[in-house]
Amino acid sequence: MLYFISSVVVFFMFWLVLSGHYTLMLLAIGAVASILVVGLATRMAVIDREGHPIYLLYRAVWYWPWLFWEIVKSGISVSKIILSPTLPISPTLINLKATQKSVVGVVVYANSITLTPGTVSVEVEDNEITVHAITTLGAMDLEEGKMDRMVTKFEGGIGT
């Protein structure tokens, strides 16, 4: 029931953003449409724990600010590299073992790597992620495993 209600709320908020109209009749139509769409999606078994991970929402309160700060730090680092006259890059490919237990956790880890400037998740196969980093130092930071531990903690396991 929690997934149904939260899905209806998400669909209705999405509808509100796209609609831009806030009259009582249109709000009612949007609410009814959201309930019908989620009801149909539930009946088709499209909405599940993996596709709509509402259980991660309260952990996102600390994870998103941490990830935002990592993105800012990496952005500053990459900006310094770009603005440097010698352009000190050393492109590197590394393979990282993801310690997350679920597919959602591995995807969050791979996406967190890609969101951080200077690194891109090239391939994810099982629990191994191939990452391209523009510097060896950036690759070594990832190999240190702090982001992996933070995502594992976010997922619900034991982390930093």
C-alpha atoms as a PDB file:
ATOM      1  CA  MET A   1       0.000   0.000   0.000  1.00  0.00           C
ATOM      2  CA  LEU A   2       2.925   2.351   0.763  1.00  0.00           C
ATOM      3  CA  TYR A   3       4.260   1.856  -2.766  1.00  0.00           C
ATOM      4  CA  PHE A   4       0.835   2.542  -4.252  1.00  0.00           C
ATOM      5  CA  ILE A   5       0.334   5.771  -2.305  1.00  0.00           C
ATOM      6  CA  SER A   6       3.867   7.050  -2.868  1.00  0.00           C
ATOM      7  CA  SER A   7       3.613   6.218  -6.573  1.00  0.00           C
ATOM      8  CA  VAL A   8       0.342   8.143  -6.845  1.00  0.00           C
ATOM      9  CA  VAL A   9       1.974  11.130  -5.120  1.00  0.00           C
ATOM     10  CA  VAL A  10       5.007  10.985  -7.465  1.00  0.00           C
ATOM     11  CA  PHE A  11       2.815  10.691 -10.574  1.00  0.00           C
ATOM     12  CA  PHE A  12       0.552  13.528  -9.400  1.00  0.00           C
ATOM     13  CA  MET A  13       3.549  15.799  -8.676  1.00  0.00           C
ATOM     14  CA  PHE A  14       4.936  14.971 -12.140  1.00  0.00           C
ATOM     15  CA  TRP A  15       1.546  15.758 -13.655  1.00  0.00           C
ATOM     16  CA  LEU A  16       1.443  19.090 -11.787  1.00  0.00           C
ATOM     17  CA  VAL A  17       4.877  20.076 -13.063  1.00  0.00           C
ATOM     18  CA  LEU A  18       3.992  19.222 -16.654  1.00  0.00           C
ATOM     19  CA  SER A  19       0.489  20.696 -16.513  1.00  0.00           C
ATOM     20  CA  GLY A  20       1.139  24.068 -14.922  1.00  0.00           C
ATOM     21  CA  HIS A  21      -2.614  24.528 -14.376  1.00  0.00           C
ATOM     22  CA  TYR A  22      -3.971  24.638 -10.845  1.00  0.00           C
ATOM     23  CA  THR A  23      -7.747  24.953 -11.102  1.00  0.00           C
ATOM     24  CA  LEU A  24      -9.814  22.663  -8.888  1.00  0.00           C
ATOM     25  CA  MET A  25     -11.243  20.681 -11.812  1.00  0.00           C
ATOM     26  CA  LEU A  26      -7.837  20.067 -13.403  1.00  0.00           C
ATOM     27  CA  LEU A  27      -6.294  19.099 -10.048  1.00  0.00           C
ATOM     28  CA  ALA A  28      -9.106  16.572  -9.558  1.00  0.00           C
ATOM     29  CA  ILE A  29      -8.612  15.182 -13.062  1.00  0.00           C
ATOM     30  CA  GLY A  30      -4.868  14.887 -12.437  1.00  0.00           C
ATOM     31  CA  ALA A  31      -5.434  13.083  -9.144  1.00  0.00           C
ATOM     32  CA  VAL A  32      -7.880  10.624 -10.703  1.00  0.00           C
ATOM     33  CA  ALA A  33      -5.564  10.048 -13.672  1.00  0.00           C
ATOM     34  CA  SER A  34      -2.631   9.399 -11.323  1.00  0.00           C
ATOM     35  CA  ILE A  35      -4.649   6.857  -9.330  1.00  0.00           C
ATOM     36  CA  LEU A  36      -5.787   5.098 -12.511  1.00  0.00           C
ATOM     37  CA  VAL A  37      -2.286   4.993 -14.003  1.00  0.00           C
ATOM     38  CA  VAL A  38      -0.747   3.623 -10.810  1.00  0.00           C
ATOM     39  CA  GLY A  39      -3.601   1.133 -10.451  1.00  0.00           C
ATOM     40  CA  LEU A  40      -2.993  -0.113 -13.982  1.00  0.00           C
ATOM     41  CA  ALA A  41       0.776  -0.212 -13.459  1.00  0.00           C
ATOM     42  CA  THR A  42       0.298  -2.168 -10.217  1.00  0.00           C
ATOM     43  CA  ARG A  43      -2.006  -4.628 -11.938  1.00  0.00           C
ATOM     44  CA  MET A  44       0.623  -5.070 -14.681  1.00  0.00           C
ATOM     45  CA  ALA A  45       3.277  -5.655 -11.943  1.00  0.00           C
ATOM     46  CA  VAL A  46       5.369  -2.737 -13.206  1.00  0.00           C
ATOM     47  CA  ILE A  47       5.696  -0.986  -9.844  1.00  0.00           C
ATOM     48  CA  ASP A  48       7.925  -2.917  -7.456  1.00  0.00           C
ATOM     49  CA  ARG A  49      10.484  -2.374  -4.703  1.00  0.00           C
ATOM     50  CA  GLU A  50      13.352  -2.060  -7.192  1.00  0.00           C
ATOM     51  CA  GLY A  51      11.625   0.268  -9.636  1.00  0.00           C
ATOM     52  CA  HIS A  52      10.306   2.583  -6.931  1.00  0.00           C
ATOM     53  CA  PRO A  53      12.758   2.382  -3.979  1.00  0.00           C
ATOM     54  CA  ILE A  54      10.779   4.474  -1.472  1.00  0.00           C
ATOM     55  CA  TYR A  55      12.635   2.748   1.377  1.00  0.00           C
ATOM     56  CA  LEU A  56      15.781   4.713   0.422  1.00  0.00           C
ATOM     57  CA  LEU A  57      14.114   8.111   0.770  1.00  0.00           C
ATOM     58  CA  TYR A  58      15.051   8.821   4.404  1.00  0.00           C
ATOM     59  CA  ARG A  59      18.678   7.814   3.764  1.00  0.00           C
ATOM     60  CA  ALA A  60      18.841  10.238   0.835  1.00  0.00           C
ATOM     61  CA  VAL A  61      18.632  13.108   3.332  1.00  0.00           C
ATOM     62  CA  TRP A  62      22.317  12.599   4.253  1.00  0.00           C
ATOM     63  CA  TYR A  63      23.528  10.868   1.060  1.00  0.00           C
ATOM     64  CA  TRP A  64      22.551  13.577  -1.432  1.00  0.00           C
ATOM     65  CA  PRO A  65      24.359  16.396   0.422  1.00  0.00           C
ATOM     66  CA  TRP A  66      27.445  14.189   0.735  1.00  0.00           C
ATOM     67  CA  LEU A  67      27.324  13.370  -3.017  1.00  0.00           C
ATOM     68  CA  PHE A  68      26.745  17.051  -3.849  1.00  0.00           C
ATOM     69  CA  TRP A  69      29.872  17.981  -1.866  1.00  0.00           C
ATOM     70  CA  GLU A  70      31.897  15.284  -3.690  1.00  0.00           C
ATOM     71  CA  ILE A  71      30.662  16.670  -7.018  1.00  0.00           C
ATOM     72  CA  VAL A  72      31.705  20.204  -6.011  1.00  0.00           C
ATOM     73  CA  LYS A  73      35.178  19.056  -4.890  1.00  0.00           C
ATOM     74  CA  SER A  74      35.706  17.060  -8.088  1.00  0.00           C
ATOM     75  CA  GLY A  75      34.403  19.937 -10.193  1.00  0.00           C
ATOM     76  CA  ILE A  76      36.965  22.275  -8.653  1.00  0.00           C
ATOM     77  CA  SER A  77      39.711  19.704  -9.226  1.00  0.00           C
ATOM     78  CA  VAL A  78      38.747  19.181 -12.877  1.00  0.00           C
ATOM     79  CA  SER A  79      38.499  22.956 -13.398  1.00  0.00           C
ATOM     80  CA  LYS A  80      42.055  23.358 -12.108  1.00  0.00           C
ATOM     81  CA  ILE A  81      43.231  20.680 -14.540  1.00  0.00           C
ATOM     82  CA  ILE A  82      41.459  22.359 -17.454  1.00  0.00           C
ATOM     83  CA  LEU A  83      42.804  25.807 -16.590  1.00  0.00           C
ATOM     84  CA  SER A  84      46.361  24.546 -16.089  1.00  0.00           C
ATOM     85  CA  PRO A  85      48.672  25.454 -19.000  1.00  0.00           C
ATOM     86  CA  THR A  86      50.312  22.008 -18.902  1.00  0.00           C
ATOM     87  CA  LEU A  87      46.980  20.111 -18.783  1.00  0.00           C
ATOM     88  CA  PRO A  88      48.155  17.406 -16.337  1.00  0.00           C
ATOM     89  CA  ILE A  89      45.881  14.543 -17.326  1.00  0.00           C
ATOM     90  CA  SER A  90      46.630  10.847 -17.159  1.00  0.00           C
ATOM     91  CA  PRO A  91      43.584   8.961 -18.468  1.00  0.00           C
ATOM     92  CA  THR A  92      43.096   5.671 -16.665  1.00  0.00           C
ATOM     93  CA  LEU A  93      40.680   2.748 -16.836  1.00  0.00           C
ATOM     94  CA  ILE A  94      40.098   0.815 -13.625  1.00  0.00           C
ATOM     95  CA  ASN A  95      37.811  -1.983 -12.514  1.00  0.00           C
ATOM     96  CA  LEU A  96      36.057  -1.553  -9.187  1.00  0.00           C
ATOM     97  CA  LYS A  97      34.294  -4.250  -7.207  1.00  0.00           C
ATOM     98  CA  ALA A  98      30.927  -2.978  -5.957  1.00  0.00           C
ATOM     99  CA  THR A  99      30.050  -4.217  -2.470  1.00  0.00           C
ATOM    100  CA  GLN A 100      26.372  -3.356  -2.723  1.00  0.00           C
ATOM    101  CA  LYS A 101      23.886  -6.202  -2.282  1.00  0.00           C
ATOM    102  CA  SER A 102      21.143  -5.079  -4.675  1.00  0.00           C
ATOM    103  CA  VAL A 103      20.919  -3.970  -8.277  1.00  0.00           C
ATOM    104  CA  VAL A 104      19.649  -0.584  -7.079  1.00  0.00           C
ATOM    105  CA  GLY A 105      22.763  -0.171  -4.916  1.00  0.00           C
ATOM    106  CA  VAL A 106      25.136  -0.985  -7.786  1.00  0.00           C
ATOM    107  CA  VAL A 107      23.271   1.418 -10.087  1.00  0.00           C
ATOM    108  CA  VAL A 108      23.425   4.183  -7.456  1.00  0.00           C
ATOM    109  CA  TYR A 109      27.180   3.562  -7.097  1.00  0.00           C
ATOM    110  CA  ALA A 110      27.792   3.625 -10.866  1.00  0.00           C
ATOM    111  CA  ASN A 111      25.660   6.766 -11.272  1.00  0.00           C
ATOM    112  CA  SER A 112      27.427   8.471  -8.356  1.00  0.00           C
ATOM    113  CA  ILE A 113      30.760   7.797 -10.055  1.00  0.00           C
ATOM    114  CA  THR A 114      29.486   9.241 -13.329  1.00  0.00           C
ATOM    115  CA  LEU A 115      27.983  12.314 -11.645  1.00  0.00           C
ATOM    116  CA  THR A 116      31.345  13.125 -10.106  1.00  0.00           C
ATOM    117  CA  PRO A 117      33.352  15.205 -12.628  1.00  0.00           C
ATOM    118  CA  GLY A 118      36.480  13.510 -13.959  1.00  0.00           C
ATOM    119  CA  THR A 119      35.100   9.968 -13.768  1.00  0.00           C
ATOM    120  CA  VAL A 120      32.677   7.983 -15.917  1.00  0.00           C
ATOM    121  CA  SER A 121      31.257   4.506 -15.347  1.00  0.00           C
ATOM    122  CA  VAL A 122      31.905   2.830 -18.674  1.00  0.00           C
ATOM    123  CA  GLU A 123      30.477  -0.622 -18.017  1.00  0.00           C
ATOM    124  CA  VAL A 124      28.686  -2.439 -15.224  1.00  0.00           C
ATOM    125  CA  GLU A 125      28.790  -6.210 -15.265  1.00  0.00           C
ATOM    126  CA  ASP A 126      27.531  -8.134 -12.245  1.00  0.00           C
ATOM    127  CA  ASN A 127      29.204  -6.329  -9.335  1.00  0.00           C
ATOM    128  CA  GLU A 128      32.170  -4.970 -11.270  1.00  0.00           C
ATOM    129  CA  ILE A 129      32.262  -1.439 -12.642  1.00  0.00           C
ATOM    130  CA  THR A 130      34.743  -0.286 -15.270  1.00  0.00           C
ATOM    131  CA  VAL A 131      35.544   3.384 -14.693  1.00  0.00           C
ATOM    132  CA  HIS A 132      37.401   5.919 -16.837  1.00  0.00           C
ATOM    133  CA  ALA A 133      39.152   8.616 -14.812  1.00  0.00           C
ATOM    134  CA  ILE A 134      40.957  11.594 -16.343  1.00  0.00           C
ATOM    135  CA  THR A 135      43.734  11.405 -13.750  1.00  0.00           C
ATOM    136  CA  THR A 136      45.467   8.603 -11.890  1.00  0.00           C
ATOM    137  CA  LEU A 137      44.782  10.467  -8.646  1.00  0.00           C
ATOM    138  CA  GLY A 138      41.032  10.385  -9.350  1.00  0.00           C
ATOM    139  CA  ALA A 139      41.241   6.645 -10.011  1.00  0.00           C
ATOM    140  CA  MET A 140      43.167   6.112  -6.780  1.00  0.00           C
ATOM    141  CA  ASP A 141      40.501   8.056  -4.846  1.00  0.00           C
ATOM    142  CA  LEU A 142      37.864   5.668  -6.166  1.00  0.00           C
ATOM    143  CA  GLU A 143      40.014   2.619  -5.423  1.00  0.00           C
ATOM    144  CA  GLU A 144      40.290   3.866  -1.831  1.00  0.00           C
ATOM    145  CA  GLY A 145      36.611   2.883  -1.556  1.00  0.00           C
ATOM    146  CA  LYS A 146      34.998   5.742   0.361  1.00  0.00           C
ATOM    147  CA  MET A 147      32.235   6.232  -2.222  1.00  0.00           C
ATOM    148  CA  ASP A 148      31.611   2.478  -2.290  1.00  0.00           C
ATOM    149  CA  ARG A 149      31.247   2.426   1.503  1.00  0.00           C
ATOM    150  CA  MET A 150      28.930   5.448   1.482  1.00  0.00           C
ATOM    151  CA  VAL A 151      26.668   3.881  -1.162  1.00  0.00           C
ATOM    152  CA  THR A 152      26.651   0.596   0.774  1.00  0.00           C
ATOM    153  CA  LYS A 153      25.612   2.528   3.870  1.00  0.00           C
ATOM    154  CA  PHE A 154      22.971   4.364   1.813  1.00  0.00           C
ATOM    155  CA  GLU A 155      21.670   1.037   0.562  1.00  0.00           C
ATOM    156  CA  GLY A 156      21.316  -0.202   4.119  1.00  0.00           C
ATOM    157  CA  GLY A 157      24.526  -2.120   4.711  1.00  0.00           C
ATOM    158  CA  ILE A 158      27.440  -1.266   6.955  1.00  0.00           C
ATOM    159  CA  GLY A 159      29.521   1.646   5.641  1.00  0.00           C
ATOM    160  CA  THR A 160      31.669   4.518   6.867  1.00  0.00           C
END
